[in-house]
Amino acid sequence: MTDRIFIRGLTLHAYHGVMPHEGKVGQTFTIDLDLDIDLSEAARTDKVKDTVSYADVAQCVEKAFTGQRFRLIEAAGGAVADAVLAAFPRVQKIAVTIHKPHAPIAATFTDVGVMLTRSRAKGK
């Protein structure tokens, strides 16, 4: 399958991080999503019911990402991937990239983050 829905630059404020001040003040994270999904039916019918709503995906991601505090963005990304796969059966695979532009690193950098890819189990 080569069909994909993507969302770029979803910006959310959350309290994730290992450092104590990250849990108190929080920071802005940016999330990119790639959803592998068969869009052939949606392309044929032109009906939203045959795809997934970008707005619903964004709402699901926001709830999963901000619903609890994670020490690691790896764990936050895993929660996002799991939530999207659980909520949207049409999605076969998801890649979640979390950018943490204000990571507490004693260096100059343009970006830091993680990318997780999860697939729906075969046979489901």
PDB file of N, CA and C in Angstrom:
ATOM      1  N   MET A   1       0.852  -1.186   0.000  1.00  0.00           N
ATOM      2  CA  MET A   1       0.000   0.000   0.000  1.00  0.00           C
ATOM      3  C   MET A   1       0.890   1.239   0.000  1.00  0.00           C
ATOM      4  N   THR A   2       0.513   2.209  -0.802  1.00  0.00           N
ATOM      5  CA  THR A   2       1.306   3.432  -0.879  1.00  0.00           C
ATOM      6  C   THR A   2       0.511   4.665  -0.488  1.00  0.00           C
ATOM      7  N   ASP A   3      -0.697   4.490   0.000  1.00  0.00           N
ATOM      8  CA  ASP A   3      -1.529   5.638   0.375  1.00  0.00           C
ATOM      9  C   ASP A   3      -1.147   6.112   1.767  1.00  0.00           C
ATOM     10  N   ARG A   4      -1.209   7.416   1.955  1.00  0.00           N
ATOM     11  CA  ARG A   4      -0.790   7.974   3.228  1.00  0.00           C
ATOM     12  C   ARG A   4      -1.518   9.281   3.495  1.00  0.00           C
ATOM     13  N   ILE A   5      -1.929   9.445   4.725  1.00  0.00           N
ATOM     14  CA  ILE A   5      -2.417  10.731   5.231  1.00  0.00           C
ATOM     15  C   ILE A   5      -1.320  11.262   6.140  1.00  0.00           C
ATOM     16  N   PHE A   6      -1.042  12.555   6.048  1.00  0.00           N
ATOM     17  CA  PHE A   6      -0.027  13.114   6.936  1.00  0.00           C
ATOM     18  C   PHE A   6      -0.532  14.387   7.583  1.00  0.00           C
ATOM     19  N   ILE A   7      -0.015  14.631   8.757  1.00  0.00           N
ATOM     20  CA  ILE A   7      -0.245  15.885   9.486  1.00  0.00           C
ATOM     21  C   ILE A   7       1.142  16.363   9.904  1.00  0.00           C
ATOM     22  N   ARG A   8       1.460  17.586   9.599  1.00  0.00           N
ATOM     23  CA  ARG A   8       2.767  18.155   9.926  1.00  0.00           C
ATOM     24  C   ARG A   8       2.595  19.357  10.856  1.00  0.00           C
ATOM     25  N   GLY A   9       3.483  19.421  11.832  1.00  0.00           N
ATOM     26  CA  GLY A   9       3.563  20.615  12.662  1.00  0.00           C
ATOM     27  C   GLY A   9       2.448  20.795  13.669  1.00  0.00           C
ATOM     28  N   LEU A  10       1.854  19.696  14.151  1.00  0.00           N
ATOM     29  CA  LEU A  10       0.841  19.806  15.206  1.00  0.00           C
ATOM     30  C   LEU A  10       1.562  20.260  16.475  1.00  0.00           C
ATOM     31  N   THR A  11       1.244  21.433  16.942  1.00  0.00           N
ATOM     32  CA  THR A  11       1.953  22.048  18.058  1.00  0.00           C
ATOM     33  C   THR A  11       1.130  21.939  19.330  1.00  0.00           C
ATOM     34  N   LEU A  12       1.729  21.312  20.358  1.00  0.00           N
ATOM     35  CA  LEU A  12       1.039  21.081  21.629  1.00  0.00           C
ATOM     36  C   LEU A  12       1.939  21.455  22.795  1.00  0.00           C
ATOM     37  N   HIS A  13       1.337  22.011  23.828  1.00  0.00           N
ATOM     38  CA  HIS A  13       2.069  22.310  25.058  1.00  0.00           C
ATOM     39  C   HIS A  13       1.846  21.146  26.023  1.00  0.00           C
ATOM     40  N   ALA A  14       2.943  20.639  26.581  1.00  0.00           N
ATOM     41  CA  ALA A  14       2.832  19.519  27.511  1.00  0.00           C
ATOM     42  C   ALA A  14       3.959  19.611  28.543  1.00  0.00           C
ATOM     43  N   TYR A  15       3.928  18.710  29.501  1.00  0.00           N
ATOM     44  CA  TYR A  15       4.833  18.753  30.648  1.00  0.00           C
ATOM     45  C   TYR A  15       5.748  17.538  30.698  1.00  0.00           C
ATOM     46  N   HIS A  16       6.188  17.082  29.541  1.00  0.00           N
ATOM     47  CA  HIS A  16       7.032  15.903  29.464  1.00  0.00           C
ATOM     48  C   HIS A  16       8.493  16.268  29.658  1.00  0.00           C
ATOM     49  N   GLY A  17       9.222  15.364  30.306  1.00  0.00           N
ATOM     50  CA  GLY A  17      10.660  15.554  30.457  1.00  0.00           C
ATOM     51  C   GLY A  17      11.176  14.981  31.751  1.00  0.00           C
ATOM     52  N   VAL A  18      12.456  14.734  31.783  1.00  0.00           N
ATOM     53  CA  VAL A  18      13.133  14.164  32.943  1.00  0.00           C
ATOM     54  C   VAL A  18      13.431  15.232  33.994  1.00  0.00           C
ATOM     55  N   MET A  19      13.718  16.423  33.543  1.00  0.00           N
ATOM     56  CA  MET A  19      14.102  17.499  34.461  1.00  0.00           C
ATOM     57  C   MET A  19      12.872  18.017  35.228  1.00  0.00           C
ATOM     58  N   PRO A  20      13.039  18.327  36.525  1.00  0.00           N
ATOM     59  CA  PRO A  20      11.900  18.798  37.328  1.00  0.00           C
ATOM     60  C   PRO A  20      11.197  20.025  36.747  1.00  0.00           C
ATOM     61  N   HIS A  21      11.967  20.975  36.202  1.00  0.00           N
ATOM     62  CA  HIS A  21      11.331  22.189  35.671  1.00  0.00           C
ATOM     63  C   HIS A  21      10.459  21.899  34.451  1.00  0.00           C
ATOM     64  N   GLU A  22      10.753  20.814  33.713  1.00  0.00           N
ATOM     65  CA  GLU A  22       9.930  20.469  32.557  1.00  0.00           C
ATOM     66  C   GLU A  22       8.520  20.056  32.989  1.00  0.00           C
ATOM     67  N   GLY A  23       8.434  19.443  34.151  1.00  0.00           N
ATOM     68  CA  GLY A  23       7.135  19.038  34.675  1.00  0.00           C
ATOM     69  C   GLY A  23       6.349  20.184  35.273  1.00  0.00           C
ATOM     70  N   LYS A  24       7.019  21.263  35.616  1.00  0.00           N
ATOM     71  CA  LYS A  24       6.339  22.415  36.215  1.00  0.00           C
ATOM     72  C   LYS A  24       5.932  23.449  35.171  1.00  0.00           C
ATOM     73  N   VAL A  25       6.861  23.797  34.308  1.00  0.00           N
ATOM     74  CA  VAL A  25       6.634  24.861  33.327  1.00  0.00           C
ATOM     75  C   VAL A  25       6.082  24.310  32.021  1.00  0.00           C
ATOM     76  N   GLY A  26       6.540  23.127  31.649  1.00  0.00           N
ATOM     77  CA  GLY A  26       6.143  22.558  30.370  1.00  0.00           C
ATOM     78  C   GLY A  26       6.862  23.219  29.226  1.00  0.00           C
ATOM     79  N   GLN A  27       6.549  22.774  28.039  1.00  0.00           N
ATOM     80  CA  GLN A  27       7.152  23.344  26.840  1.00  0.00           C
ATOM     81  C   GLN A  27       6.311  22.966  25.630  1.00  0.00           C
ATOM     82  N   THR A  28       6.619  23.593  24.522  1.00  0.00           N
ATOM     83  CA  THR A  28       5.911  23.340  23.288  1.00  0.00           C
ATOM     84  C   THR A  28       6.627  22.249  22.507  1.00  0.00           C
ATOM     85  N   PHE A  29       5.869  21.267  22.066  1.00  0.00           N
ATOM     86  CA  PHE A  29       6.360  20.181  21.234  1.00  0.00           C
ATOM     87  C   PHE A  29       5.672  20.278  19.882  1.00  0.00           C
ATOM     88  N   THR A  30       6.320  19.762  18.859  1.00  0.00           N
ATOM     89  CA  THR A  30       5.718  19.690  17.535  1.00  0.00           C
ATOM     90  C   THR A  30       5.676  18.230  17.115  1.00  0.00           C
ATOM     91  N   ILE A  31       4.539  17.811  16.580  1.00  0.00           N
ATOM     92  CA  ILE A  31       4.336  16.416  16.204  1.00  0.00           C
ATOM     93  C   ILE A  31       4.009  16.326  14.717  1.00  0.00           C
ATOM     94  N   ASP A  32       4.679  15.384  14.063  1.00  0.00           N
ATOM     95  CA  ASP A  32       4.389  15.045  12.671  1.00  0.00           C
ATOM     96  C   ASP A  32       3.869  13.617  12.642  1.00  0.00           C
ATOM     97  N   LEU A  33       2.868  13.377  11.812  1.00  0.00           N
ATOM     98  CA  LEU A  33       2.262  12.050  11.708  1.00  0.00           C
ATOM     99  C   LEU A  33       2.191  11.612  10.261  1.00  0.00           C
ATOM    100  N   ASP A  34       2.459  10.331  10.042  1.00  0.00           N
ATOM    101  CA  ASP A  34       2.243   9.686   8.756  1.00  0.00           C
ATOM    102  C   ASP A  34       1.381   8.467   9.017  1.00  0.00           C
ATOM    103  N   LEU A  35       0.217   8.421   8.385  1.00  0.00           N
ATOM    104  CA  LEU A  35      -0.724   7.318   8.569  1.00  0.00           C
ATOM    105  C   LEU A  35      -0.845   6.546   7.268  1.00  0.00           C
ATOM    106  N   ASP A  36      -0.428   5.299   7.273  1.00  0.00           N
ATOM    107  CA  ASP A  36      -0.613   4.452   6.103  1.00  0.00           C
ATOM    108  C   ASP A  36      -2.026   3.889   6.149  1.00  0.00           C
ATOM    109  N   ILE A  37      -2.762   4.151   5.086  1.00  0.00           N
ATOM    110  CA  ILE A  37      -4.177   3.787   5.031  1.00  0.00           C
ATOM    111  C   ILE A  37      -4.572   3.590   3.569  1.00  0.00           C
ATOM    112  N   ASP A  38      -5.400   2.637   3.316  1.00  0.00           N
ATOM    113  CA  ASP A  38      -5.888   2.409   1.960  1.00  0.00           C
ATOM    114  C   ASP A  38      -6.938   3.484   1.650  1.00  0.00           C
ATOM    115  N   LEU A  39      -6.608   4.367   0.724  1.00  0.00           N
ATOM    116  CA  LEU A  39      -7.500   5.474   0.371  1.00  0.00           C
ATOM    117  C   LEU A  39      -8.254   5.229  -0.934  1.00  0.00           C
ATOM    118  N   SER A  40      -8.191   4.018  -1.464  1.00  0.00           N
ATOM    119  CA  SER A  40      -8.827   3.751  -2.755  1.00  0.00           C
ATOM    120  C   SER A  40     -10.344   3.953  -2.704  1.00  0.00           C
ATOM    121  N   GLU A  41     -10.979   3.519  -1.620  1.00  0.00           N
ATOM    122  CA  GLU A  41     -12.433   3.690  -1.509  1.00  0.00           C
ATOM    123  C   GLU A  41     -12.806   5.171  -1.383  1.00  0.00           C
ATOM    124  N   ALA A  42     -12.063   5.908  -0.565  1.00  0.00           N
ATOM    125  CA  ALA A  42     -12.320   7.347  -0.414  1.00  0.00           C
ATOM    126  C   ALA A  42     -12.103   8.079  -1.733  1.00  0.00           C
ATOM    127  N   ALA A  43     -11.086   7.671  -2.483  1.00  0.00           N
ATOM    128  CA  ALA A  43     -10.824   8.299  -3.781  1.00  0.00           C
ATOM    129  C   ALA A  43     -11.959   8.020  -4.761  1.00  0.00           C
ATOM    130  N   ARG A  44     -12.572   6.855  -4.645  1.00  0.00           N
ATOM    131  CA  ARG A  44     -13.660   6.482  -5.530  1.00  0.00           C
ATOM    132  C   ARG A  44     -14.977   7.142  -5.136  1.00  0.00           C
ATOM    133  N   THR A  45     -15.285   7.178  -3.818  1.00  0.00           N
ATOM    134  CA  THR A  45     -16.600   7.646  -3.362  1.00  0.00           C
ATOM    135  C   THR A  45     -16.660   9.125  -3.028  1.00  0.00           C
ATOM    136  N   ASP A  46     -15.498   9.716  -2.694  1.00  0.00           N
ATOM    137  CA  ASP A  46     -15.453  11.126  -2.263  1.00  0.00           C
ATOM    138  C   ASP A  46     -16.240  11.336  -0.971  1.00  0.00           C
ATOM    139  N   LYS A  47     -16.212  10.325  -0.075  1.00  0.00           N
ATOM    140  CA  LYS A  47     -16.957  10.403   1.181  1.00  0.00           C
ATOM    141  C   LYS A  47     -16.005  10.260   2.374  1.00  0.00           C
ATOM    142  N   VAL A  48     -16.213  11.114   3.364  1.00  0.00           N
ATOM    143  CA  VAL A  48     -15.376  11.114   4.560  1.00  0.00           C
ATOM    144  C   VAL A  48     -15.453   9.775   5.289  1.00  0.00           C
ATOM    145  N   LYS A  49     -16.589   9.107   5.217  1.00  0.00           N
ATOM    146  CA  LYS A  49     -16.750   7.834   5.923  1.00  0.00           C
ATOM    147  C   LYS A  49     -15.775   6.765   5.427  1.00  0.00           C
ATOM    148  N   ASP A  50     -15.182   6.978   4.258  1.00  0.00           N
ATOM    149  CA  ASP A  50     -14.264   6.005   3.678  1.00  0.00           C
ATOM    150  C   ASP A  50     -12.796   6.339   3.917  1.00  0.00           C
ATOM    151  N   THR A  51     -12.553   7.275   4.817  1.00  0.00           N
ATOM    152  CA  THR A  51     -11.185   7.664   5.187  1.00  0.00           C
ATOM    153  C   THR A  51     -11.179   7.916   6.692  1.00  0.00           C
ATOM    154  N   VAL A  52     -10.223   8.651   7.187  1.00  0.00           N
ATOM    155  CA  VAL A  52     -10.255   9.110   8.575  1.00  0.00           C
ATOM    156  C   VAL A  52     -10.173  10.635   8.571  1.00  0.00           C
ATOM    157  N   SER A  53     -10.857  11.232   9.496  1.00  0.00           N
ATOM    158  CA  SER A  53     -10.910  12.691   9.600  1.00  0.00           C
ATOM    159  C   SER A  53      -9.616  13.220  10.205  1.00  0.00           C
ATOM    160  N   TYR A  54      -8.987  14.179   9.532  1.00  0.00           N
ATOM    161  CA  TYR A  54      -7.773  14.799  10.065  1.00  0.00           C
ATOM    162  C   TYR A  54      -8.047  15.423  11.433  1.00  0.00           C
ATOM    163  N   ALA A  55      -9.206  16.047  11.548  1.00  0.00           N
ATOM    164  CA  ALA A  55      -9.566  16.694  12.815  1.00  0.00           C
ATOM    165  C   ALA A  55      -9.696  15.673  13.936  1.00  0.00           C
ATOM    166  N   ASP A  56     -10.303  14.529  13.647  1.00  0.00           N
ATOM    167  CA  ASP A  56     -10.449  13.490  14.664  1.00  0.00           C
ATOM    168  C   ASP A  56      -9.092  12.909  15.059  1.00  0.00           C
ATOM    169  N   VAL A  57      -8.205  12.733  14.083  1.00  0.00           N
ATOM    170  CA  VAL A  57      -6.859  12.240  14.382  1.00  0.00           C
ATOM    171  C   VAL A  57      -6.125  13.249  15.264  1.00  0.00           C
ATOM    172  N   ALA A  58      -6.184  14.515  14.913  1.00  0.00           N
ATOM    173  CA  ALA A  58      -5.497  15.547  15.704  1.00  0.00           C
ATOM    174  C   ALA A  58      -6.034  15.589  17.129  1.00  0.00           C
ATOM    175  N   GLN A  59      -7.334  15.457  17.285  1.00  0.00           N
ATOM    176  CA  GLN A  59      -7.934  15.455  18.619  1.00  0.00           C
ATOM    177  C   GLN A  59      -7.471  14.234  19.419  1.00  0.00           C
ATOM    178  N   CYS A  60      -7.411  13.087  18.787  1.00  0.00           N
ATOM    179  CA  CYS A  60      -6.944  11.863  19.437  1.00  0.00           C
ATOM    180  C   CYS A  60      -5.490  12.009  19.880  1.00  0.00           C
ATOM    181  N   VAL A  61      -4.667  12.575  19.014  1.00  0.00           N
ATOM    182  CA  VAL A  61      -3.248  12.782  19.329  1.00  0.00           C
ATOM    183  C   VAL A  61      -3.103  13.747  20.501  1.00  0.00           C
ATOM    184  N   GLU A  62      -3.849  14.843  20.476  1.00  0.00           N
ATOM    185  CA  GLU A  62      -3.773  15.812  21.570  1.00  0.00           C
ATOM    186  C   GLU A  62      -4.143  15.162  22.900  1.00  0.00           C
ATOM    187  N   LYS A  63      -5.198  14.392  22.917  1.00  0.00           N
ATOM    188  CA  LYS A  63      -5.634  13.734  24.147  1.00  0.00           C
ATOM    189  C   LYS A  63      -4.573  12.752  24.658  1.00  0.00           C
ATOM    190  N   ALA A  64      -4.016  11.956  23.767  1.00  0.00           N
ATOM    191  CA  ALA A  64      -3.001  10.973  24.169  1.00  0.00           C
ATOM    192  C   ALA A  64      -1.711  11.649  24.621  1.00  0.00           C
ATOM    193  N   PHE A  65      -1.329  12.729  23.955  1.00  0.00           N
ATOM    194  CA  PHE A  65      -0.055  13.393  24.236  1.00  0.00           C
ATOM    195  C   PHE A  65      -0.097  14.252  25.493  1.00  0.00           C
ATOM    196  N   THR A  66      -1.237  14.897  25.736  1.00  0.00           N
ATOM    197  CA  THR A  66      -1.322  15.815  26.881  1.00  0.00           C
ATOM    198  C   THR A  66      -2.073  15.222  28.066  1.00  0.00           C
ATOM    199  N   GLY A  67      -2.625  14.035  27.898  1.00  0.00           N
ATOM    200  CA  GLY A  67      -3.452  13.432  28.944  1.00  0.00           C
ATOM    201  C   GLY A  67      -2.707  12.981  30.179  1.00  0.00           C
ATOM    202  N   GLN A  68      -1.423  12.770  30.058  1.00  0.00           N
ATOM    203  CA  GLN A  68      -0.606  12.424  31.217  1.00  0.00           C
ATOM    204  C   GLN A  68       0.806  12.941  30.991  1.00  0.00           C
ATOM    205  N   ARG A  69       1.575  13.001  32.069  1.00  0.00           N
ATOM    206  CA  ARG A  69       2.960  13.459  31.967  1.00  0.00           C
ATOM    207  C   ARG A  69       3.864  12.261  31.751  1.00  0.00           C
ATOM    208  N   PHE A  70       4.719  12.364  30.748  1.00  0.00           N
ATOM    209  CA  PHE A  70       5.713  11.339  30.476  1.00  0.00           C
ATOM    210  C   PHE A  70       7.095  11.909  30.748  1.00  0.00           C
ATOM    211  N   ARG A  71       7.961  11.099  31.285  1.00  0.00           N
ATOM    212  CA  ARG A  71       9.355  11.511  31.458  1.00  0.00           C
ATOM    213  C   ARG A  71      10.078  11.501  30.112  1.00  0.00           C
ATOM    214  N   LEU A  72       9.752  10.529  29.276  1.00  0.00           N
ATOM    215  CA  LEU A  72      10.421  10.376  27.984  1.00  0.00           C
ATOM    216  C   LEU A  72       9.457  10.649  26.831  1.00  0.00           C
ATOM    217  N   ILE A  73       9.942  11.363  25.827  1.00  0.00           N
ATOM    218  CA  ILE A  73       9.094  11.572  24.657  1.00  0.00           C
ATOM    219  C   ILE A  73       8.934  10.264  23.877  1.00  0.00           C
ATOM    220  N   GLU A  74       9.816   9.306  24.105  1.00  0.00           N
ATOM    221  CA  GLU A  74       9.622   7.980  23.517  1.00  0.00           C
ATOM    222  C   GLU A  74       8.313   7.367  24.016  1.00  0.00           C
ATOM    223  N   ALA A  75       8.053   7.502  25.300  1.00  0.00           N
ATOM    224  CA  ALA A  75       6.810   6.977  25.886  1.00  0.00           C
ATOM    225  C   ALA A  75       5.606   7.773  25.391  1.00  0.00           C
ATOM    226  N   ALA A  76       5.744   9.082  25.283  1.00  0.00           N
ATOM    227  CA  ALA A  76       4.653   9.917  24.770  1.00  0.00           C
ATOM    228  C   ALA A  76       4.330   9.536  23.324  1.00  0.00           C
ATOM    229  N   GLY A  77       5.358   9.320  22.520  1.00  0.00           N
ATOM    230  CA  GLY A  77       5.158   8.914  21.129  1.00  0.00           C
ATOM    231  C   GLY A  77       4.490   7.554  21.026  1.00  0.00           C
ATOM    232  N   GLY A  78       4.874   6.635  21.903  1.00  0.00           N
ATOM    233  CA  GLY A  78       4.240   5.317  21.925  1.00  0.00           C
ATOM    234  C   GLY A  78       2.766   5.414  22.281  1.00  0.00           C
ATOM    235  N   ALA A  79       2.439   6.275  23.223  1.00  0.00           N
ATOM    236  CA  ALA A  79       1.045   6.473  23.609  1.00  0.00           C
ATOM    237  C   ALA A  79       0.233   7.048  22.452  1.00  0.00           C
ATOM    238  N   VAL A  80       0.822   7.966  21.716  1.00  0.00           N
ATOM    239  CA  VAL A  80       0.148   8.554  20.553  1.00  0.00           C
ATOM    240  C   VAL A  80      -0.105   7.482  19.496  1.00  0.00           C
ATOM    241  N   ALA A  81       0.923   6.716  19.170  1.00  0.00           N
ATOM    242  CA  ALA A  81       0.776   5.673  18.149  1.00  0.00           C
ATOM    243  C   ALA A  81      -0.283   4.658  18.551  1.00  0.00           C
ATOM    244  N   ASP A  82      -0.234   4.211  19.794  1.00  0.00           N
ATOM    245  CA  ASP A  82      -1.214   3.233  20.277  1.00  0.00           C
ATOM    246  C   ASP A  82      -2.632   3.791  20.225  1.00  0.00           C
ATOM    247  N   ALA A  83      -2.796   5.051  20.612  1.00  0.00           N
ATOM    248  CA  ALA A  83      -4.132   5.662  20.626  1.00  0.00           C
ATOM    249  C   ALA A  83      -4.707   5.778  19.214  1.00  0.00           C
ATOM    250  N   VAL A  84      -3.885   6.183  18.271  1.00  0.00           N
ATOM    251  CA  VAL A  84      -4.376   6.332  16.893  1.00  0.00           C
ATOM    252  C   VAL A  84      -4.741   4.970  16.307  1.00  0.00           C
ATOM    253  N   LEU A  85      -3.896   3.973  16.515  1.00  0.00           N
ATOM    254  CA  LEU A  85      -4.208   2.634  15.995  1.00  0.00           C
ATOM    255  C   LEU A  85      -5.480   2.077  16.637  1.00  0.00           C
ATOM    256  N   ALA A  86      -5.684   2.357  17.919  1.00  0.00           N
ATOM    257  CA  ALA A  86      -6.882   1.870  18.605  1.00  0.00           C
ATOM    258  C   ALA A  86      -8.146   2.588  18.125  1.00  0.00           C
ATOM    259  N   ALA A  87      -8.034   3.866  17.849  1.00  0.00           N
ATOM    260  CA  ALA A  87      -9.212   4.664  17.498  1.00  0.00           C
ATOM    261  C   ALA A  87      -9.601   4.586  16.021  1.00  0.00           C
ATOM    262  N   PHE A  88      -8.645   4.263  15.167  1.00  0.00           N
ATOM    263  CA  PHE A  88      -8.891   4.313  13.727  1.00  0.00           C
ATOM    264  C   PHE A  88      -8.488   2.995  13.066  1.00  0.00           C
ATOM    265  N   PRO A  89      -9.414   2.046  13.001  1.00  0.00           N
ATOM    266  CA  PRO A  89      -9.104   0.724  12.454  1.00  0.00           C
ATOM    267  C   PRO A  89      -8.594   0.737  11.011  1.00  0.00           C
ATOM    268  N   ARG A  90      -8.922   1.766  10.248  1.00  0.00           N
ATOM    269  CA  ARG A  90      -8.453   1.844   8.853  1.00  0.00           C
ATOM    270  C   ARG A  90      -6.944   2.106   8.768  1.00  0.00           C
ATOM    271  N   VAL A  91      -6.366   2.698   9.787  1.00  0.00           N
ATOM    272  CA  VAL A  91      -4.928   3.003   9.777  1.00  0.00           C
ATOM    273  C   VAL A  91      -4.162   1.702   9.990  1.00  0.00           C
ATOM    274  N   GLN A  92      -3.296   1.389   9.043  1.00  0.00           N
ATOM    275  CA  GLN A  92      -2.518   0.150   9.120  1.00  0.00           C
ATOM    276  C   GLN A  92      -1.145   0.356   9.755  1.00  0.00           C
ATOM    277  N   LYS A  93      -0.611   1.557   9.611  1.00  0.00           N
ATOM    278  CA  LYS A  93       0.728   1.847  10.129  1.00  0.00           C
ATOM    279  C   LYS A  93       0.798   3.332  10.439  1.00  0.00           C
ATOM    280  N   ILE A  94       1.537   3.665  11.474  1.00  0.00           N
ATOM    281  CA  ILE A  94       1.693   5.070  11.850  1.00  0.00           C
ATOM    282  C   ILE A  94       3.149   5.356  12.168  1.00  0.00           C
ATOM    283  N   ALA A  95       3.604   6.504  11.719  1.00  0.00           N
ATOM    284  CA  ALA A  95       4.912   7.029  12.123  1.00  0.00           C
ATOM    285  C   ALA A  95       4.646   8.328  12.870  1.00  0.00           C
ATOM    286  N   VAL A  96       5.168   8.419  14.067  1.00  0.00           N
ATOM    287  CA  VAL A  96       5.005   9.599  14.921  1.00  0.00           C
ATOM    288  C   VAL A  96       6.384  10.205  15.138  1.00  0.00           C
ATOM    289  N   THR A  97       6.539  11.461  14.773  1.00  0.00           N
ATOM    290  CA  THR A  97       7.785  12.181  15.042  1.00  0.00           C
ATOM    291  C   THR A  97       7.470  13.284  16.036  1.00  0.00           C
ATOM    292  N   ILE A  98       8.201  13.284  17.135  1.00  0.00           N
ATOM    293  CA  ILE A  98       8.031  14.325  18.149  1.00  0.00           C
ATOM    294  C   ILE A  98       9.301  15.171  18.179  1.00  0.00           C
ATOM    295  N   HIS A  99       9.111  16.455  17.944  1.00  0.00           N
ATOM    296  CA  HIS A  99      10.211  17.415  17.993  1.00  0.00           C
ATOM    297  C   HIS A  99      10.170  18.104  19.357  1.00  0.00           C
ATOM    298  N   LYS A 100      11.317  18.164  19.999  1.00  0.00           N
ATOM    299  CA  LYS A 100      11.431  18.818  21.310  1.00  0.00           C
ATOM    300  C   LYS A 100      12.451  19.946  21.177  1.00  0.00           C
ATOM    301  N   PRO A 101      12.005  21.091  20.659  1.00  0.00           N
ATOM    302  CA  PRO A 101      12.942  22.166  20.324  1.00  0.00           C
ATOM    303  C   PRO A 101      13.610  22.840  21.527  1.00  0.00           C
ATOM    304  N   HIS A 102      13.077  22.614  22.717  1.00  0.00           N
ATOM    305  CA  HIS A 102      13.662  23.233  23.901  1.00  0.00           C
ATOM    306  C   HIS A 102      14.217  22.175  24.848  1.00  0.00           C
ATOM    307  N   ALA A 103      14.730  21.101  24.278  1.00  0.00           N
ATOM    308  CA  ALA A 103      15.320  20.035  25.091  1.00  0.00           C
ATOM    309  C   ALA A 103      16.487  20.593  25.907  1.00  0.00           C
ATOM    310  N   PRO A 104      16.624  20.140  27.155  1.00  0.00           N
ATOM    311  CA  PRO A 104      17.703  20.652  28.009  1.00  0.00           C
ATOM    312  C   PRO A 104      19.054  20.027  27.636  1.00  0.00           C
ATOM    313  N   ILE A 105      19.614  20.527  26.542  1.00  0.00           N
ATOM    314  CA  ILE A 105      20.901  20.050  26.051  1.00  0.00           C
ATOM    315  C   ILE A 105      21.864  21.229  26.068  1.00  0.00           C
ATOM    316  N   ALA A 106      23.035  21.024  26.620  1.00  0.00           N
ATOM    317  CA  ALA A 106      24.042  22.085  26.679  1.00  0.00           C
ATOM    318  C   ALA A 106      24.794  22.145  25.350  1.00  0.00           C
ATOM    319  N   ALA A 107      24.055  22.468  24.311  1.00  0.00           N
ATOM    320  CA  ALA A 107      24.636  22.567  22.973  1.00  0.00           C
ATOM    321  C   ALA A 107      23.686  23.363  22.101  1.00  0.00           C
ATOM    322  N   THR A 108      24.204  23.861  21.005  1.00  0.00           N
ATOM    323  CA  THR A 108      23.367  24.540  20.025  1.00  0.00           C
ATOM    324  C   THR A 108      22.882  23.489  19.027  1.00  0.00           C
ATOM    325  N   PHE A 109      21.572  23.456  18.798  1.00  0.00           N
ATOM    326  CA  PHE A 109      21.010  22.485  17.867  1.00  0.00           C
ATOM    327  C   PHE A 109      19.774  23.084  17.218  1.00  0.00           C
ATOM    328  N   THR A 110      19.400  22.547  16.077  1.00  0.00           N
ATOM    329  CA  THR A 110      18.209  23.035  15.391  1.00  0.00           C
ATOM    330  C   THR A 110      16.991  22.172  15.671  1.00  0.00           C
ATOM    331  N   ASP A 111      17.215  20.906  16.001  1.00  0.00           N
ATOM    332  CA  ASP A 111      16.079  20.039  16.263  1.00  0.00           C
ATOM    333  C   ASP A 111      16.560  18.797  17.005  1.00  0.00           C
ATOM    334  N   VAL A 112      15.698  18.282  17.839  1.00  0.00           N
ATOM    335  CA  VAL A 112      15.948  17.019  18.522  1.00  0.00           C
ATOM    336  C   VAL A 112      14.591  16.365  18.729  1.00  0.00           C
ATOM    337  N   GLY A 113      14.576  15.063  18.692  1.00  0.00           N
ATOM    338  CA  GLY A 113      13.292  14.383  18.875  1.00  0.00           C
ATOM    339  C   GLY A 113      13.410  12.896  18.655  1.00  0.00           C
ATOM    340  N   VAL A 114      12.257  12.269  18.519  1.00  0.00           N
ATOM    341  CA  VAL A 114      12.194  10.833  18.279  1.00  0.00           C
ATOM    342  C   VAL A 114      11.183  10.561  17.175  1.00  0.00           C
ATOM    343  N   MET A 115      11.383   9.433  16.518  1.00  0.00           N
ATOM    344  CA  MET A 115      10.419   8.968  15.533  1.00  0.00           C
ATOM    345  C   MET A 115      10.121   7.515  15.840  1.00  0.00           C
ATOM    346  N   LEU A 116       8.843   7.206  16.005  1.00  0.00           N
ATOM    347  CA  LEU A 116       8.405   5.837  16.279  1.00  0.00           C
ATOM    348  C   LEU A 116       7.484   5.393  15.151  1.00  0.00           C
ATOM    349  N   THR A 117       7.619   4.138  14.760  1.00  0.00           N
ATOM    350  CA  THR A 117       6.738   3.562  13.755  1.00  0.00           C
ATOM    351  C   THR A 117       6.088   2.325  14.352  1.00  0.00           C
ATOM    352  N   ARG A 118       4.780   2.263  14.232  1.00  0.00           N
ATOM    353  CA  ARG A 118       4.023   1.113  14.732  1.00  0.00           C
ATOM    354  C   ARG A 118       3.066   0.645  13.639  1.00  0.00           C
ATOM    355  N   SER A 119       2.914  -0.675  13.557  1.00  0.00           N
ATOM    356  CA  SER A 119       2.015  -1.272  12.567  1.00  0.00           C
ATOM    357  C   SER A 119       0.955  -2.094  13.285  1.00  0.00           C
ATOM    358  N   ARG A 120      -0.183  -2.164  12.660  1.00  0.00           N
ATOM    359  CA  ARG A 120      -1.245  -3.021  13.149  1.00  0.00           C
ATOM    360  C   ARG A 120      -0.794  -4.467  12.971  1.00  0.00           C
ATOM    361  N   ALA A 121      -1.091  -5.303  13.919  1.00  0.00           N
ATOM    362  CA  ALA A 121      -0.709  -6.709  13.832  1.00  0.00           C
ATOM    363  C   ALA A 121      -1.395  -7.368  12.647  1.00  0.00           C
ATOM    364  N   LYS A 122      -0.668  -8.205  11.959  1.00  0.00           N
ATOM    365  CA  LYS A 122      -1.236  -8.936  10.810  1.00  0.00           C
ATOM    366  C   LYS A 122      -2.356  -9.839  11.277  1.00  0.00           C
ATOM    367  N   GLY A 123      -3.362  -9.996  10.459  1.00  0.00           N
ATOM    368  CA  GLY A 123      -4.462 -10.903  10.774  1.00  0.00           C
ATOM    369  C   GLY A 123      -5.575 -10.286  11.589  1.00  0.00           C
ATOM    370  N   LYS A 124      -5.454  -9.024  11.969  1.00  0.00           N
ATOM    371  CA  LYS A 124      -6.522  -8.376  12.739  1.00  0.00           C
ATOM    372  C   LYS A 124      -7.493  -7.703  11.809  1.00  0.00           C
TER     373      LYS A 124
END
